[in-house]
Amino acid sequence: MGKPKDWREVLTVGEAITVDVPASSGNVGPGFDSLGLALGHYDTVEIAVQESGLAFELHGEGSESVPRTEEHLLVRSVRAAWTAAGLVDQPGLAVVARNRIPHGRGMGSSASCAVAGVVAANALLAPSARLDDAAILQVCAGMEGHPDNVAPSLYGGLTISWGEPGSWHSAPVAVHDDVVPVVAIPNYEVSTALARSLLPAQVDHRSAAANAGRAALLVEAMTRRPDLLLPATADALHQRFRAPAMPPSAALVATLREQGHAALISGAGPTVLTLAPSAEDAAEVEAAIAEFVAHPDAEREHVTWRVLRLTVPAHGARVVTHPQ
């Protein structure tokens, strides 16, 4: 970190930055806590330096329930980045956040928030004070506790992450142009803490070996062989254990997979992500979801779904306006 810095040496009052950051899906199929996929659905954040205090505008997803205080993850992420850059005291902030990524649905809303804050904070610093890419990943992953969602929001594409706190690493991989993500977002939430609490403390060697093989196959399927997406997304470590927390989503995954579509729970759920190997197959997925929704059973008669056909962005968070 070097010598502590007075913030006035590296930040300018009145300067502002705007960042677009994509959603993400973690735990992709068999890639529990290791594989992440960027999704072309974006939050936009504008952050400006002011002398003191906090002004906070929040629009869209979560705007009715999320506090607009220093405890907000976005503000904490800005301050964590500046602390990592060596700032001993910090200025005030003016924040405008436009959230499109749904909260509590397994699409990486908290990770995208952390990434947006860190990337914006870093871009506002004088060039000589900015964090390098490795340090940015450590700060973002530190806010989340792991890198599997922050990495795709930072880098885009498919990311393979590993390491331990303070020493996280991630390798971005370009996704085949034919792969089309289709998400079905239900109108209920599942907390990550609840989903993780359902996982067993141990798994057998057969399940571990099965997942290792499928995770390796998934990298091949996502990059060169989309025709292998169905077998490559089979999982033995986490999805079946979490199913009791999201029966409608588990039922949709099972229905789609029975029809030959590579459906899985996105992150900790309850969003269902289907990786279609072509635009034509994506249309079939959408039709299959519509059929599923049209014939609900008693357990899901009150569940509604928002279906989006997305892209896999080749780039992660982007600065779209720079300081003057």
Protein backbone atom coordinates (compact mmCIF):
# COMPACT_ATOMS: atom_id res chain seq x y z
CA MET A 1 0.00 0.00 0.00
CA GLY A 2 2.96 2.31 0.58
CA LYS A 3 2.90 5.66 2.34
CA PRO A 4 -0.55 6.82 3.54
CA LYS A 5 -2.04 9.46 1.27
CA ASP A 6 -4.06 12.57 1.92
CA TRP A 7 -7.17 12.10 -0.21
CA ARG A 8 -6.87 15.63 -1.61
CA GLU A 9 -3.66 14.59 -3.35
CA VAL A 10 -5.36 11.87 -5.40
CA LEU A 11 -9.07 12.82 -5.58
CA THR A 12 -10.78 15.96 -6.83
CA VAL A 13 -14.01 17.35 -5.39
CA GLY A 14 -16.68 17.52 -8.08
CA GLU A 15 -15.28 14.77 -10.29
CA ALA A 16 -17.72 11.97 -11.16
CA ILE A 17 -17.60 8.56 -12.77
CA THR A 18 -20.28 6.29 -14.24
CA VAL A 19 -19.89 2.51 -14.37
CA ASP A 20 -22.00 -0.19 -16.01
CA VAL A 21 -21.63 -3.61 -14.41
CA PRO A 22 -23.16 -6.90 -15.58
CA ALA A 23 -25.04 -9.48 -13.57
CA SER A 24 -23.53 -12.89 -13.03
CA SER A 25 -24.36 -16.50 -12.30
CA GLY A 26 -22.17 -18.36 -9.82
CA ASN A 27 -21.84 -22.11 -9.16
CA VAL A 28 -22.47 -22.71 -12.86
CA GLY A 29 -23.74 -26.29 -13.10
CA PRO A 30 -20.98 -28.43 -11.55
CA GLY A 31 -18.73 -25.40 -10.95
CA PHE A 32 -19.61 -24.93 -7.28
CA ASP A 33 -17.76 -21.92 -5.81
CA SER A 34 -15.44 -21.86 -8.83
CA LEU A 35 -17.20 -21.09 -12.13
CA GLY A 36 -18.97 -17.83 -12.82
CA LEU A 37 -20.72 -16.49 -15.92
CA ALA A 38 -21.32 -12.86 -16.83
CA LEU A 39 -24.87 -12.06 -17.89
CA GLY A 40 -25.81 -9.10 -20.08
CA HIS A 41 -28.17 -7.44 -17.60
CA TYR A 42 -26.71 -4.28 -16.06
CA ASP A 43 -26.69 -2.00 -13.05
CA THR A 44 -25.45 1.56 -13.61
CA VAL A 45 -23.74 3.54 -10.87
CA GLU A 46 -22.60 7.17 -10.83
CA ILE A 47 -20.26 8.25 -8.04
CA ALA A 48 -18.99 11.77 -7.45
CA VAL A 49 -16.48 13.11 -4.94
CA GLN A 50 -17.80 15.76 -2.58
CA GLU A 51 -16.24 17.54 0.38
CA SER A 52 -18.15 15.62 3.04
CA GLY A 53 -21.33 13.72 3.77
CA LEU A 54 -23.31 11.23 1.69
CA ALA A 55 -25.98 11.95 -0.91
CA PHE A 56 -27.58 8.74 -2.18
CA GLU A 57 -30.17 8.26 -4.92
CA LEU A 58 -31.31 4.69 -5.56
CA HIS A 59 -33.68 3.63 -8.33
CA GLY A 60 -35.02 0.28 -9.50
CA GLU A 61 -34.46 -3.10 -7.86
CA GLY A 62 -34.20 -2.91 -4.08
CA SER A 63 -34.94 0.82 -4.00
CA GLU A 64 -37.80 0.38 -1.51
CA SER A 65 -35.90 -1.69 1.03
CA VAL A 66 -32.15 -1.00 0.77
CA PRO A 67 -30.74 1.63 3.21
CA ARG A 68 -29.11 4.72 1.75
CA THR A 69 -26.37 5.00 4.33
CA GLU A 70 -22.64 4.43 4.75
CA GLU A 71 -23.53 0.78 5.45
CA HIS A 72 -24.73 0.23 1.88
CA LEU A 73 -22.46 -2.25 0.09
CA LEU A 74 -21.79 0.21 -2.72
CA VAL A 75 -20.48 2.86 -0.34
CA ARG A 76 -18.47 0.32 1.68
CA SER A 77 -16.90 -0.94 -1.56
CA VAL A 78 -15.83 2.55 -2.61
CA ARG A 79 -14.26 3.10 0.77
CA ALA A 80 -12.59 -0.32 0.78
CA ALA A 81 -10.94 0.48 -2.56
CA TRP A 82 -9.69 3.83 -1.32
CA THR A 83 -8.41 2.23 1.88
CA ALA A 84 -6.54 -0.35 -0.21
CA ALA A 85 -5.05 2.56 -2.19
CA GLY A 86 -3.69 4.04 1.06
CA LEU A 87 -6.09 6.91 1.76
CA VAL A 88 -6.05 7.70 5.48
CA ASP A 89 -9.09 9.98 5.42
CA GLN A 90 -11.80 9.99 2.80
CA PRO A 91 -14.11 12.56 1.24
CA GLY A 92 -17.87 12.58 1.01
CA LEU A 93 -19.78 10.89 -1.79
CA ALA A 94 -22.70 11.61 -4.07
CA VAL A 95 -24.12 8.35 -5.39
CA VAL A 96 -26.79 7.60 -7.99
CA ALA A 97 -27.53 3.89 -8.51
CA ARG A 98 -29.89 2.48 -11.12
CA ASN A 99 -30.44 -1.17 -10.29
CA ARG A 100 -31.77 -3.61 -12.87
CA ILE A 101 -30.30 -6.81 -11.43
CA PRO A 102 -32.90 -8.43 -9.16
CA HIS A 103 -31.97 -8.95 -5.52
CA GLY A 104 -32.00 -12.33 -3.78
CA ARG A 105 -32.46 -14.24 -7.02
CA GLY A 106 -29.02 -15.76 -7.71
CA MET A 107 -27.90 -13.23 -10.33
CA GLY A 108 -25.02 -11.70 -8.41
CA SER A 109 -26.63 -8.43 -7.34
CA SER A 110 -24.34 -7.96 -4.34
CA ALA A 111 -21.24 -8.90 -6.34
CA SER A 112 -22.11 -6.44 -9.09
CA CYS A 113 -22.63 -3.76 -6.45
CA ALA A 114 -19.21 -4.43 -4.94
CA VAL A 115 -17.56 -4.42 -8.35
CA ALA A 116 -19.26 -1.17 -9.37
CA GLY A 117 -18.08 0.56 -6.20
CA VAL A 118 -14.48 -0.63 -6.46
CA VAL A 119 -14.14 0.07 -10.19
CA ALA A 120 -15.66 3.55 -9.85
CA ALA A 121 -13.52 4.39 -6.82
CA ASN A 122 -10.38 3.28 -8.61
CA ALA A 123 -11.18 5.28 -11.75
CA LEU A 124 -11.65 8.43 -9.66
CA LEU A 125 -8.15 8.16 -8.23
CA ALA A 126 -5.21 9.91 -9.84
CA PRO A 127 -3.45 7.41 -12.18
CA SER A 128 -0.43 7.13 -9.87
CA ALA A 129 -2.63 5.97 -6.98
CA ARG A 130 -4.80 3.42 -8.78
CA LEU A 131 -4.96 -0.25 -7.83
CA ASP A 132 -3.79 -2.84 -10.34
CA ASP A 133 -6.06 -5.60 -11.61
CA ALA A 134 -4.91 -8.13 -9.01
CA ALA A 135 -5.60 -5.73 -6.15
CA ILE A 136 -9.04 -4.88 -7.55
CA LEU A 137 -9.96 -8.58 -7.54
CA GLN A 138 -8.79 -8.94 -3.91
CA VAL A 139 -10.86 -5.96 -2.76
CA CYS A 140 -13.99 -7.09 -4.63
CA ALA A 141 -13.67 -10.69 -3.46
CA GLY A 142 -13.01 -9.47 0.06
CA MET A 143 -16.34 -7.65 0.06
CA GLU A 144 -18.13 -10.84 -1.02
CA GLY A 145 -15.97 -13.41 0.74
CA HIS A 146 -15.20 -15.25 -2.51
CA PRO A 147 -14.54 -14.43 -6.17
CA ASP A 148 -16.94 -16.63 -8.16
CA ASN A 149 -19.51 -13.85 -8.77
CA VAL A 150 -17.27 -10.79 -8.68
CA ALA A 151 -14.87 -12.24 -11.28
CA PRO A 152 -17.39 -12.45 -14.15
CA SER A 153 -18.74 -9.00 -13.28
CA LEU A 154 -15.15 -7.71 -13.43
CA TYR A 155 -13.93 -9.56 -16.51
CA GLY A 156 -16.93 -10.79 -18.48
CA GLY A 157 -17.31 -14.23 -20.10
CA LEU A 158 -16.84 -17.41 -18.11
CA THR A 159 -14.43 -17.19 -15.19
CA ILE A 160 -12.59 -19.93 -13.33
CA SER A 161 -11.68 -18.82 -9.81
CA TRP A 162 -9.57 -20.32 -7.05
CA GLY A 163 -7.48 -19.38 -4.04
CA GLU A 164 -8.13 -18.24 -0.50
CA PRO A 165 -8.89 -14.92 1.24
CA GLY A 166 -6.27 -12.35 0.30
CA SER A 167 -4.90 -14.52 -2.49
CA TRP A 168 -7.73 -14.97 -4.97
CA HIS A 169 -7.15 -15.69 -8.64
CA SER A 170 -9.43 -15.87 -11.65
CA ALA A 171 -8.94 -16.87 -15.28
CA PRO A 172 -11.48 -15.43 -17.73
CA VAL A 173 -12.45 -17.66 -20.65
CA ALA A 174 -14.16 -16.47 -23.86
CA VAL A 175 -17.56 -18.10 -24.38
CA HIS A 176 -18.61 -19.55 -27.74
CA ASP A 177 -20.67 -17.06 -29.75
CA ASP A 178 -23.55 -19.52 -30.14
CA VAL A 179 -24.26 -19.86 -26.41
CA VAL A 180 -27.42 -18.00 -25.37
CA PRO A 181 -28.37 -17.65 -21.68
CA VAL A 182 -32.09 -17.66 -20.91
CA VAL A 183 -33.09 -16.76 -17.36
CA ALA A 184 -36.44 -17.39 -15.68
CA ILE A 185 -36.67 -15.14 -12.63
CA PRO A 186 -39.42 -16.05 -10.13
CA ASN A 187 -41.22 -13.60 -7.88
CA TYR A 188 -39.78 -15.10 -4.69
CA GLU A 189 -36.35 -14.84 -3.09
CA VAL A 190 -33.99 -17.36 -1.50
CA SER A 191 -31.21 -16.09 0.74
CA THR A 192 -27.71 -17.27 -0.01
CA ALA A 193 -27.28 -18.11 3.69
CA LEU A 194 -30.32 -20.41 3.63
CA ALA A 195 -29.23 -22.10 0.41
CA ARG A 196 -25.72 -22.70 1.76
CA SER A 197 -27.05 -24.04 5.07
CA LEU A 198 -28.72 -26.91 3.22
CA LEU A 199 -25.43 -28.28 1.90
CA PRO A 200 -23.97 -31.36 3.58
CA ALA A 201 -20.66 -31.06 5.39
CA GLN A 202 -19.21 -33.94 3.34
CA VAL A 203 -19.78 -35.58 -0.03
CA ASP A 204 -18.70 -38.98 -1.28
CA HIS A 205 -15.82 -39.52 -3.68
CA ARG A 206 -18.14 -40.64 -6.47
CA SER A 207 -20.03 -37.31 -6.39
CA ALA A 208 -16.78 -35.34 -6.23
CA ALA A 209 -15.32 -37.25 -9.17
CA ALA A 210 -18.51 -36.82 -11.19
CA ASN A 211 -18.45 -33.07 -10.63
CA ALA A 212 -14.77 -32.76 -11.47
CA GLY A 213 -15.35 -34.41 -14.83
CA ARG A 214 -18.46 -32.37 -15.63
CA ALA A 215 -16.78 -29.10 -14.64
CA ALA A 216 -13.92 -29.83 -17.02
CA LEU A 217 -16.43 -30.76 -19.72
CA LEU A 218 -18.36 -27.54 -19.11
CA VAL A 219 -15.33 -25.42 -20.02
CA GLU A 220 -15.10 -27.33 -23.31
CA ALA A 221 -18.85 -26.97 -23.90
CA MET A 222 -18.88 -23.24 -23.18
CA THR A 223 -15.87 -22.47 -25.34
CA ARG A 224 -15.89 -24.93 -28.27
CA ARG A 225 -18.68 -27.52 -28.04
CA PRO A 226 -22.06 -26.02 -27.12
CA ASP A 227 -23.67 -29.31 -28.20
CA LEU A 228 -22.27 -30.77 -24.94
CA LEU A 229 -23.98 -28.28 -22.63
CA LEU A 230 -26.62 -30.70 -21.35
CA PRO A 231 -24.25 -33.35 -19.94
CA ALA A 232 -21.73 -30.67 -18.98
CA THR A 233 -24.18 -28.90 -16.65
CA ALA A 234 -25.06 -31.98 -14.59
CA ASP A 235 -24.26 -31.41 -10.91
CA ALA A 236 -23.86 -33.73 -7.92
CA LEU A 237 -22.66 -31.32 -5.22
CA HIS A 238 -25.21 -28.61 -4.52
CA GLN A 239 -28.40 -28.27 -6.57
CA ARG A 240 -30.33 -31.29 -5.29
CA PHE A 241 -29.58 -30.38 -1.67
CA ARG A 242 -30.87 -26.84 -2.19
CA ALA A 243 -34.02 -27.90 -4.03
CA PRO A 244 -36.24 -27.92 -0.88
CA ALA A 245 -35.67 -24.15 -0.54
CA MET A 246 -37.03 -23.51 -4.06
CA PRO A 247 -39.43 -26.26 -5.22
CA PRO A 248 -40.88 -24.28 -8.19
CA SER A 249 -37.39 -23.57 -9.54
CA ALA A 250 -36.25 -27.15 -9.00
CA ALA A 251 -39.35 -28.35 -10.87
CA LEU A 252 -38.62 -26.03 -13.80
CA VAL A 253 -35.00 -27.22 -13.99
CA ALA A 254 -36.14 -30.85 -14.02
CA THR A 255 -38.76 -30.20 -16.70
CA LEU A 256 -36.33 -28.38 -18.97
CA ARG A 257 -33.59 -30.98 -18.57
CA GLU A 258 -36.05 -33.79 -19.34
CA GLN A 259 -36.70 -31.97 -22.63
CA GLY A 260 -32.98 -31.82 -23.43
CA HIS A 261 -32.20 -28.26 -22.31
CA ALA A 262 -29.16 -27.37 -20.19
CA ALA A 263 -31.05 -25.84 -17.27
CA LEU A 264 -29.59 -25.19 -13.82
CA ILE A 265 -30.12 -23.10 -10.72
CA SER A 266 -28.36 -19.75 -11.10
CA GLY A 267 -26.05 -19.15 -8.15
CA ALA A 268 -27.88 -19.89 -4.90
CA GLY A 269 -31.22 -19.53 -6.70
CA PRO A 270 -34.05 -19.28 -7.25
CA THR A 271 -33.51 -18.00 -10.81
CA VAL A 272 -33.31 -20.76 -13.41
CA LEU A 273 -30.55 -20.34 -15.99
CA THR A 274 -30.65 -22.31 -19.24
CA LEU A 275 -27.62 -22.33 -21.50
CA ALA A 276 -28.93 -22.73 -25.02
CA PRO A 277 -26.47 -23.83 -27.74
CA SER A 278 -28.13 -21.62 -30.37
CA ALA A 279 -30.72 -18.89 -30.86
CA GLU A 280 -33.13 -21.51 -32.19
CA ASP A 281 -32.72 -23.59 -29.06
CA ALA A 282 -33.21 -20.46 -26.92
CA ALA A 283 -36.61 -19.98 -28.56
CA GLU A 284 -37.48 -23.59 -27.70
CA VAL A 285 -36.45 -22.95 -24.10
CA GLU A 286 -38.70 -19.90 -23.92
CA ALA A 287 -41.61 -21.93 -25.30
CA ALA A 288 -40.97 -24.72 -22.81
CA ILE A 289 -40.94 -22.25 -19.91
CA ALA A 290 -44.19 -20.72 -21.15
CA GLU A 291 -45.77 -24.19 -21.24
CA PHE A 292 -44.53 -24.92 -17.72
CA VAL A 293 -45.92 -21.64 -16.41
CA ALA A 294 -49.27 -22.20 -18.14
CA HIS A 295 -49.87 -25.44 -16.21
CA PRO A 296 -48.90 -24.79 -12.57
CA ASP A 297 -49.45 -27.28 -9.78
CA ALA A 298 -50.73 -26.30 -6.34
CA GLU A 299 -47.21 -25.57 -5.06
CA ARG A 300 -46.45 -22.97 -7.70
CA GLU A 301 -49.81 -21.52 -8.64
CA HIS A 302 -48.89 -18.18 -7.08
CA VAL A 303 -45.41 -18.03 -8.63
CA THR A 304 -44.87 -15.70 -11.56
CA TRP A 305 -41.80 -15.67 -13.80
CA ARG A 306 -39.92 -13.04 -15.77
CA VAL A 307 -38.10 -14.61 -18.71
CA LEU A 308 -35.15 -12.83 -20.31
CA ARG A 309 -32.95 -13.88 -23.21
CA LEU A 310 -29.54 -12.42 -22.42
CA THR A 311 -26.01 -12.36 -23.80
CA VAL A 312 -22.67 -13.32 -22.30
CA PRO A 313 -20.74 -10.04 -22.38
CA ALA A 314 -17.11 -10.33 -23.38
CA HIS A 315 -16.24 -7.49 -21.00
CA GLY A 316 -17.12 -6.90 -17.37
CA ALA A 317 -17.61 -3.59 -15.57
CA ARG A 318 -16.96 -0.61 -17.80
CA VAL A 319 -16.35 3.04 -17.08
CA VAL A 320 -18.77 4.81 -19.40
CA THR A 321 -18.07 8.41 -18.31
CA HIS A 322 -14.75 9.63 -17.02
CA PRO A 323 -13.73 12.45 -14.68
CA GLN A 324 -13.34 15.77 -16.47
